[in-house]
Amino acid sequence: MRLNLPAGWSLTGLSPATLHLPPRQEGAVHFTATARRYGPGLRLVTADLEWGAHRLHEWTEMMVEVIPPALP
């Protein structure tokens, strides 16, 4: 799996880095990203999946809400 993040974002954590699933099973990958160039709002993140010779570009997507940190 490879995440396609918006421009200006950086991936700071991905766990697990590789996920092996048997047929008809589900799994989860957790990630942390830093959004430095955008203000609050919804952003699209997609993921490319691959196994063997198969490559599915932007196969899955998610909407991420960017919320600025609270000021003290």
PDB file of N, CA and C in Angstrom:
ATOM      1  N   MET A   1       0.831  -1.164   0.000  1.00  0.00           N
ATOM      2  CA  MET A   1       0.000   0.000   0.000  1.00  0.00           C
ATOM      3  C   MET A   1       0.882   1.235   0.000  1.00  0.00           C
ATOM      4  N   ARG A   2       0.461   2.230  -0.778  1.00  0.00           N
ATOM      5  CA  ARG A   2       1.159   3.508  -0.793  1.00  0.00           C
ATOM      6  C   ARG A   2       0.117   4.603  -0.699  1.00  0.00           C
ATOM      7  N   LEU A   3       0.275   5.496   0.257  1.00  0.00           N
ATOM      8  CA  LEU A   3      -0.659   6.605   0.417  1.00  0.00           C
ATOM      9  C   LEU A   3      -0.317   7.729  -0.536  1.00  0.00           C
ATOM     10  N   ASN A   4      -1.332   8.353  -1.097  1.00  0.00           N
ATOM     11  CA  ASN A   4      -1.185   9.528  -1.940  1.00  0.00           C
ATOM     12  C   ASN A   4      -1.732  10.712  -1.144  1.00  0.00           C
ATOM     13  N   LEU A   5      -0.816  11.464  -0.555  1.00  0.00           N
ATOM     14  CA  LEU A   5      -1.192  12.577   0.301  1.00  0.00           C
ATOM     15  C   LEU A   5      -1.242  13.879  -0.496  1.00  0.00           C
ATOM     16  N   PRO A   6      -2.040  14.848  -0.045  1.00  0.00           N
ATOM     17  CA  PRO A   6      -2.055  16.154  -0.707  1.00  0.00           C
ATOM     18  C   PRO A   6      -0.667  16.803  -0.673  1.00  0.00           C
ATOM     19  N   ALA A   7      -0.398  17.695  -1.627  1.00  0.00           N
ATOM     20  CA  ALA A   7       0.874  18.415  -1.676  1.00  0.00           C
ATOM     21  C   ALA A   7       1.081  19.160  -0.362  1.00  0.00           C
ATOM     22  N   GLY A   8       2.289  19.121   0.151  1.00  0.00           N
ATOM     23  CA  GLY A   8       2.605  19.807   1.384  1.00  0.00           C
ATOM     24  C   GLY A   8       2.395  18.966   2.631  1.00  0.00           C
ATOM     25  N   TRP A   9       1.863  17.758   2.500  1.00  0.00           N
ATOM     26  CA  TRP A   9       1.676  16.864   3.639  1.00  0.00           C
ATOM     27  C   TRP A   9       2.870  15.920   3.707  1.00  0.00           C
ATOM     28  N   SER A  10       3.171  15.461   4.918  1.00  0.00           N
ATOM     29  CA  SER A  10       4.228  14.463   5.058  1.00  0.00           C
ATOM     30  C   SER A  10       3.719  13.319   5.933  1.00  0.00           C
ATOM     31  N   LEU A  11       4.119  12.132   5.555  1.00  0.00           N
ATOM     32  CA  LEU A  11       3.754  10.925   6.297  1.00  0.00           C
ATOM     33  C   LEU A  11       4.746  10.764   7.437  1.00  0.00           C
ATOM     34  N   THR A  12       4.247  10.722   8.672  1.00  0.00           N
ATOM     35  CA  THR A  12       5.141  10.629   9.817  1.00  0.00           C
ATOM     36  C   THR A  12       5.021   9.299  10.543  1.00  0.00           C
ATOM     37  N   GLY A  13       4.081   8.462  10.148  1.00  0.00           N
ATOM     38  CA  GLY A  13       3.942   7.150  10.762  1.00  0.00           C
ATOM     39  C   GLY A  13       3.007   6.271   9.957  1.00  0.00           C
ATOM     40  N   LEU A  14       3.366   5.014   9.764  1.00  0.00           N
ATOM     41  CA  LEU A  14       2.545   4.037   9.050  1.00  0.00           C
ATOM     42  C   LEU A  14       2.753   2.690   9.727  1.00  0.00           C
ATOM     43  N   SER A  15       1.662   2.111  10.225  1.00  0.00           N
ATOM     44  CA  SER A  15       1.798   0.854  10.959  1.00  0.00           C
ATOM     45  C   SER A  15       0.625  -0.068  10.642  1.00  0.00           C
ATOM     46  N   PRO A  16       0.871  -1.264  10.174  1.00  0.00           N
ATOM     47  CA  PRO A  16       2.157  -1.808   9.761  1.00  0.00           C
ATOM     48  C   PRO A  16       2.558  -1.250   8.406  1.00  0.00           C
ATOM     49  N   ALA A  17       3.850  -1.294   8.078  1.00  0.00           N
ATOM     50  CA  ALA A  17       4.332  -0.783   6.796  1.00  0.00           C
ATOM     51  C   ALA A  17       3.891  -1.686   5.651  1.00  0.00           C
ATOM     52  N   THR A  18       3.764  -2.979   5.909  1.00  0.00           N
ATOM     53  CA  THR A  18       3.301  -3.954   4.924  1.00  0.00           C
ATOM     54  C   THR A  18       2.221  -4.808   5.577  1.00  0.00           C
ATOM     55  N   LEU A  19       1.187  -5.090   4.830  1.00  0.00           N
ATOM     56  CA  LEU A  19       0.074  -5.873   5.359  1.00  0.00           C
ATOM     57  C   LEU A  19      -0.182  -7.044   4.421  1.00  0.00           C
ATOM     58  N   HIS A  20      -0.111  -8.271   4.933  1.00  0.00           N
ATOM     59  CA  HIS A  20      -0.376  -9.478   4.152  1.00  0.00           C
ATOM     60  C   HIS A  20      -1.715 -10.047   4.613  1.00  0.00           C
ATOM     61  N   LEU A  21      -2.662 -10.169   3.684  1.00  0.00           N
ATOM     62  CA  LEU A  21      -3.987 -10.680   4.024  1.00  0.00           C
ATOM     63  C   LEU A  21      -4.331 -11.890   3.179  1.00  0.00           C
ATOM     64  N   PRO A  22      -4.917 -12.912   3.775  1.00  0.00           N
ATOM     65  CA  PRO A  22      -5.427 -14.022   2.975  1.00  0.00           C
ATOM     66  C   PRO A  22      -6.663 -13.556   2.193  1.00  0.00           C
ATOM     67  N   PRO A  23      -7.060 -14.307   1.168  1.00  0.00           N
ATOM     68  CA  PRO A  23      -8.255 -13.939   0.399  1.00  0.00           C
ATOM     69  C   PRO A  23      -9.484 -13.777   1.298  1.00  0.00           C
ATOM     70  N   ARG A  24     -10.310 -12.807   0.979  1.00  0.00           N
ATOM     71  CA  ARG A  24     -11.589 -12.533   1.649  1.00  0.00           C
ATOM     72  C   ARG A  24     -11.440 -12.140   3.120  1.00  0.00           C
ATOM     73  N   GLN A  25     -10.322 -11.562   3.461  1.00  0.00           N
ATOM     74  CA  GLN A  25     -10.099 -11.093   4.824  1.00  0.00           C
ATOM     75  C   GLN A  25      -9.923  -9.579   4.820  1.00  0.00           C
ATOM     76  N   GLU A  26     -10.073  -8.975   5.972  1.00  0.00           N
ATOM     77  CA  GLU A  26      -9.909  -7.531   6.109  1.00  0.00           C
ATOM     78  C   GLU A  26      -8.725  -7.239   7.009  1.00  0.00           C
ATOM     79  N   GLY A  27      -8.198  -6.032   6.893  1.00  0.00           N
ATOM     80  CA  GLY A  27      -7.113  -5.598   7.757  1.00  0.00           C
ATOM     81  C   GLY A  27      -7.172  -4.096   7.915  1.00  0.00           C
ATOM     82  N   ALA A  28      -6.311  -3.560   8.727  1.00  0.00           N
ATOM     83  CA  ALA A  28      -6.276  -2.120   8.965  1.00  0.00           C
ATOM     84  C   ALA A  28      -4.834  -1.641   9.000  1.00  0.00           C
ATOM     85  N   VAL A  29      -4.632  -0.452   8.494  1.00  0.00           N
ATOM     86  CA  VAL A  29      -3.348   0.220   8.552  1.00  0.00           C
ATOM     87  C   VAL A  29      -3.604   1.582   9.187  1.00  0.00           C
ATOM     88  N   HIS A  30      -2.788   1.956  10.137  1.00  0.00           N
ATOM     89  CA  HIS A  30      -2.926   3.238  10.811  1.00  0.00           C
ATOM     90  C   HIS A  30      -1.788   4.145  10.360  1.00  0.00           C
ATOM     91  N   PHE A  31      -2.110   5.422  10.135  1.00  0.00           N
ATOM     92  CA  PHE A  31      -1.056   6.341   9.732  1.00  0.00           C
ATOM     93  C   PHE A  31      -1.247   7.690  10.401  1.00  0.00           C
ATOM     94  N   THR A  32      -0.149   8.424  10.444  1.00  0.00           N
ATOM     95  CA  THR A  32      -0.151   9.794  10.937  1.00  0.00           C
ATOM     96  C   THR A  32       0.480  10.656   9.860  1.00  0.00           C
ATOM     97  N   ALA A  33      -0.159  11.749   9.540  1.00  0.00           N
ATOM     98  CA  ALA A  33       0.362  12.675   8.542  1.00  0.00           C
ATOM     99  C   ALA A  33       0.334  14.079   9.119  1.00  0.00           C
ATOM    100  N   THR A  34       1.255  14.898   8.640  1.00  0.00           N
ATOM    101  CA  THR A  34       1.309  16.291   9.052  1.00  0.00           C
ATOM    102  C   THR A  34       0.913  17.153   7.864  1.00  0.00           C
ATOM    103  N   ALA A  35      -0.081  18.018   8.054  1.00  0.00           N
ATOM    104  CA  ALA A  35      -0.576  18.923   6.996  1.00  0.00           C
ATOM    105  C   ALA A  35      -0.019  20.311   7.282  1.00  0.00           C
ATOM    106  N   ARG A  36       1.014  20.687   6.560  1.00  0.00           N
ATOM    107  CA  ARG A  36       1.681  21.959   6.846  1.00  0.00           C
ATOM    108  C   ARG A  36       1.192  23.115   5.986  1.00  0.00           C
ATOM    109  N   ARG A  37       0.704  22.848   4.793  1.00  0.00           N
ATOM    110  CA  ARG A  37       0.411  23.936   3.874  1.00  0.00           C
ATOM    111  C   ARG A  37      -1.071  24.261   3.733  1.00  0.00           C
ATOM    112  N   TYR A  38      -1.907  23.619   4.455  1.00  0.00           N
ATOM    113  CA  TYR A  38      -3.339  23.844   4.291  1.00  0.00           C
ATOM    114  C   TYR A  38      -3.966  24.285   5.598  1.00  0.00           C
ATOM    115  N   GLY A  39      -4.972  25.125   5.483  1.00  0.00           N
ATOM    116  CA  GLY A  39      -5.762  25.498   6.639  1.00  0.00           C
ATOM    117  C   GLY A  39      -6.808  24.435   6.890  1.00  0.00           C
ATOM    118  N   PRO A  40      -7.762  24.717   7.760  1.00  0.00           N
ATOM    119  CA  PRO A  40      -8.792  23.736   8.084  1.00  0.00           C
ATOM    120  C   PRO A  40      -9.668  23.419   6.877  1.00  0.00           C
ATOM    121  N   GLY A  41     -10.235  22.228   6.878  1.00  0.00           N
ATOM    122  CA  GLY A  41     -11.145  21.807   5.812  1.00  0.00           C
ATOM    123  C   GLY A  41     -10.977  20.348   5.480  1.00  0.00           C
ATOM    124  N   LEU A  42     -11.747  19.884   4.507  1.00  0.00           N
ATOM    125  CA  LEU A  42     -11.693  18.482   4.069  1.00  0.00           C
ATOM    126  C   LEU A  42     -10.667  18.313   2.964  1.00  0.00           C
ATOM    127  N   ARG A  43      -9.912  17.214   3.041  1.00  0.00           N
ATOM    128  CA  ARG A  43      -8.912  16.880   2.026  1.00  0.00           C
ATOM    129  C   ARG A  43      -9.083  15.419   1.644  1.00  0.00           C
ATOM    130  N   LEU A  44      -8.734  15.102   0.401  1.00  0.00           N
ATOM    131  CA  LEU A  44      -8.830  13.740  -0.117  1.00  0.00           C
ATOM    132  C   LEU A  44      -7.476  13.046  -0.020  1.00  0.00           C
ATOM    133  N   VAL A  45      -7.474  11.841   0.543  1.00  0.00           N
ATOM    134  CA  VAL A  45      -6.287  10.985   0.591  1.00  0.00           C
ATOM    135  C   VAL A  45      -6.668   9.684  -0.099  1.00  0.00           C
ATOM    136  N   THR A  46      -5.840   9.231  -1.042  1.00  0.00           N
ATOM    137  CA  THR A  46      -6.090   7.965  -1.724  1.00  0.00           C
ATOM    138  C   THR A  46      -4.941   7.002  -1.413  1.00  0.00           C
ATOM    139  N   ALA A  47      -5.148   5.736  -1.744  1.00  0.00           N
ATOM    140  CA  ALA A  47      -4.116   4.726  -1.524  1.00  0.00           C
ATOM    141  C   ALA A  47      -4.033   3.812  -2.737  1.00  0.00           C
ATOM    142  N   ASP A  48      -2.811   3.502  -3.135  1.00  0.00           N
ATOM    143  CA  ASP A  48      -2.550   2.515  -4.182  1.00  0.00           C
ATOM    144  C   ASP A  48      -2.307   1.179  -3.484  1.00  0.00           C
ATOM    145  N   LEU A  49      -2.886   0.116  -4.022  1.00  0.00           N
ATOM    146  CA  LEU A  49      -2.702  -1.223  -3.466  1.00  0.00           C
ATOM    147  C   LEU A  49      -2.006  -2.094  -4.494  1.00  0.00           C
ATOM    148  N   GLU A  50      -1.207  -3.027  -4.023  1.00  0.00           N
ATOM    149  CA  GLU A  50      -0.583  -3.966  -4.953  1.00  0.00           C
ATOM    150  C   GLU A  50      -0.325  -5.303  -4.281  1.00  0.00           C
ATOM    151  N   TRP A  51      -0.388  -6.334  -5.091  1.00  0.00           N
ATOM    152  CA  TRP A  51      -0.019  -7.689  -4.668  1.00  0.00           C
ATOM    153  C   TRP A  51       0.406  -8.420  -5.916  1.00  0.00           C
ATOM    154  N   GLY A  52       1.503  -9.130  -5.821  1.00  0.00           N
ATOM    155  CA  GLY A  52       2.047  -9.822  -6.988  1.00  0.00           C
ATOM    156  C   GLY A  52       2.232  -8.840  -8.138  1.00  0.00           C
ATOM    157  N   ALA A  53       1.687  -9.188  -9.300  1.00  0.00           N
ATOM    158  CA  ALA A  53       1.788  -8.321 -10.476  1.00  0.00           C
ATOM    159  C   ALA A  53       0.623  -7.336 -10.572  1.00  0.00           C
ATOM    160  N   HIS A  54      -0.285  -7.353  -9.618  1.00  0.00           N
ATOM    161  CA  HIS A  54      -1.464  -6.484  -9.653  1.00  0.00           C
ATOM    162  C   HIS A  54      -1.171  -5.152  -8.969  1.00  0.00           C
ATOM    163  N   ARG A  55      -1.549  -4.066  -9.654  1.00  0.00           N
ATOM    164  CA  ARG A  55      -1.384  -2.726  -9.080  1.00  0.00           C
ATOM    165  C   ARG A  55      -2.678  -1.948  -9.299  1.00  0.00           C
ATOM    166  N   LEU A  56      -3.279  -1.531  -8.212  1.00  0.00           N
ATOM    167  CA  LEU A  56      -4.536  -0.786  -8.264  1.00  0.00           C
ATOM    168  C   LEU A  56      -4.267   0.636  -7.779  1.00  0.00           C
ATOM    169  N   HIS A  57      -4.196   1.570  -8.718  1.00  0.00           N
ATOM    170  CA  HIS A  57      -3.874   2.955  -8.384  1.00  0.00           C
ATOM    171  C   HIS A  57      -5.117   3.669  -7.855  1.00  0.00           C
ATOM    172  N   GLU A  58      -4.923   4.396  -6.764  1.00  0.00           N
ATOM    173  CA  GLU A  58      -6.002   5.154  -6.115  1.00  0.00           C
ATOM    174  C   GLU A  58      -7.240   4.277  -5.912  1.00  0.00           C
ATOM    175  N   TRP A  59      -7.011   3.060  -5.425  1.00  0.00           N
ATOM    176  CA  TRP A  59      -8.076   2.073  -5.296  1.00  0.00           C
ATOM    177  C   TRP A  59      -9.059   2.417  -4.187  1.00  0.00           C
ATOM    178  N   THR A  60      -8.563   3.021  -3.153  1.00  0.00           N
ATOM    179  CA  THR A  60      -9.437   3.402  -2.055  1.00  0.00           C
ATOM    180  C   THR A  60      -9.180   4.857  -1.706  1.00  0.00           C
ATOM    181  N   GLU A  61     -10.162   5.483  -1.102  1.00  0.00           N
ATOM    182  CA  GLU A  61     -10.007   6.893  -0.770  1.00  0.00           C
ATOM    183  C   GLU A  61     -10.661   7.195   0.572  1.00  0.00           C
ATOM    184  N   MET A  62     -10.251   8.314   1.144  1.00  0.00           N
ATOM    185  CA  MET A  62     -10.870   8.768   2.395  1.00  0.00           C
ATOM    186  C   MET A  62     -10.857  10.284   2.420  1.00  0.00           C
ATOM    187  N   MET A  63     -11.840  10.839   3.070  1.00  0.00           N
ATOM    188  CA  MET A  63     -11.878  12.283   3.305  1.00  0.00           C
ATOM    189  C   MET A  63     -11.319  12.516   4.700  1.00  0.00           C
ATOM    190  N   VAL A  64     -10.382  13.454   4.804  1.00  0.00           N
ATOM    191  CA  VAL A  64      -9.741  13.769   6.077  1.00  0.00           C
ATOM    192  C   VAL A  64     -10.068  15.209   6.425  1.00  0.00           C
ATOM    193  N   GLU A  65     -10.558  15.424   7.632  1.00  0.00           N
ATOM    194  CA  GLU A  65     -10.841  16.786   8.084  1.00  0.00           C
ATOM    195  C   GLU A  65      -9.621  17.329   8.823  1.00  0.00           C
ATOM    196  N   VAL A  66      -9.097  18.444   8.304  1.00  0.00           N
ATOM    197  CA  VAL A  66      -7.950  19.092   8.931  1.00  0.00           C
ATOM    198  C   VAL A  66      -8.486  20.080   9.972  1.00  0.00           C
ATOM    199  N   ILE A  67      -8.049  19.894  11.212  1.00  0.00           N
ATOM    200  CA  ILE A  67      -8.462  20.756  12.308  1.00  0.00           C
ATOM    201  C   ILE A  67      -7.196  21.370  12.905  1.00  0.00           C
ATOM    202  N   PRO A  68      -7.107  22.691  12.928  1.00  0.00           N
ATOM    203  CA  PRO A  68      -5.887  23.292  13.484  1.00  0.00           C
ATOM    204  C   PRO A  68      -5.796  23.028  14.985  1.00  0.00           C
ATOM    205  N   PRO A  69      -4.576  23.018  15.515  1.00  0.00           N
ATOM    206  CA  PRO A  69      -4.425  22.774  16.953  1.00  0.00           C
ATOM    207  C   PRO A  69      -5.063  23.906  17.757  1.00  0.00           C
ATOM    208  N   ALA A  70      -5.561  23.565  18.921  1.00  0.00           N
ATOM    209  CA  ALA A  70      -6.169  24.569  19.793  1.00  0.00           C
ATOM    210  C   ALA A  70      -5.090  25.474  20.368  1.00  0.00           C
ATOM    211  N   LEU A  71      -5.367  26.742  20.427  1.00  0.00           N
ATOM    212  CA  LEU A  71      -4.418  27.694  21.009  1.00  0.00           C
ATOM    213  C   LEU A  71      -4.594  27.718  22.530  1.00  0.00           C
ATOM    214  N   PRO A  72      -3.467  27.852  23.242  1.00  0.00           N
ATOM    215  CA  PRO A  72      -3.564  27.855  24.723  1.00  0.00           C
ATOM    216  C   PRO A  72      -4.242  29.111  25.244  1.00  0.00           C
TER     217      PRO A  72
END
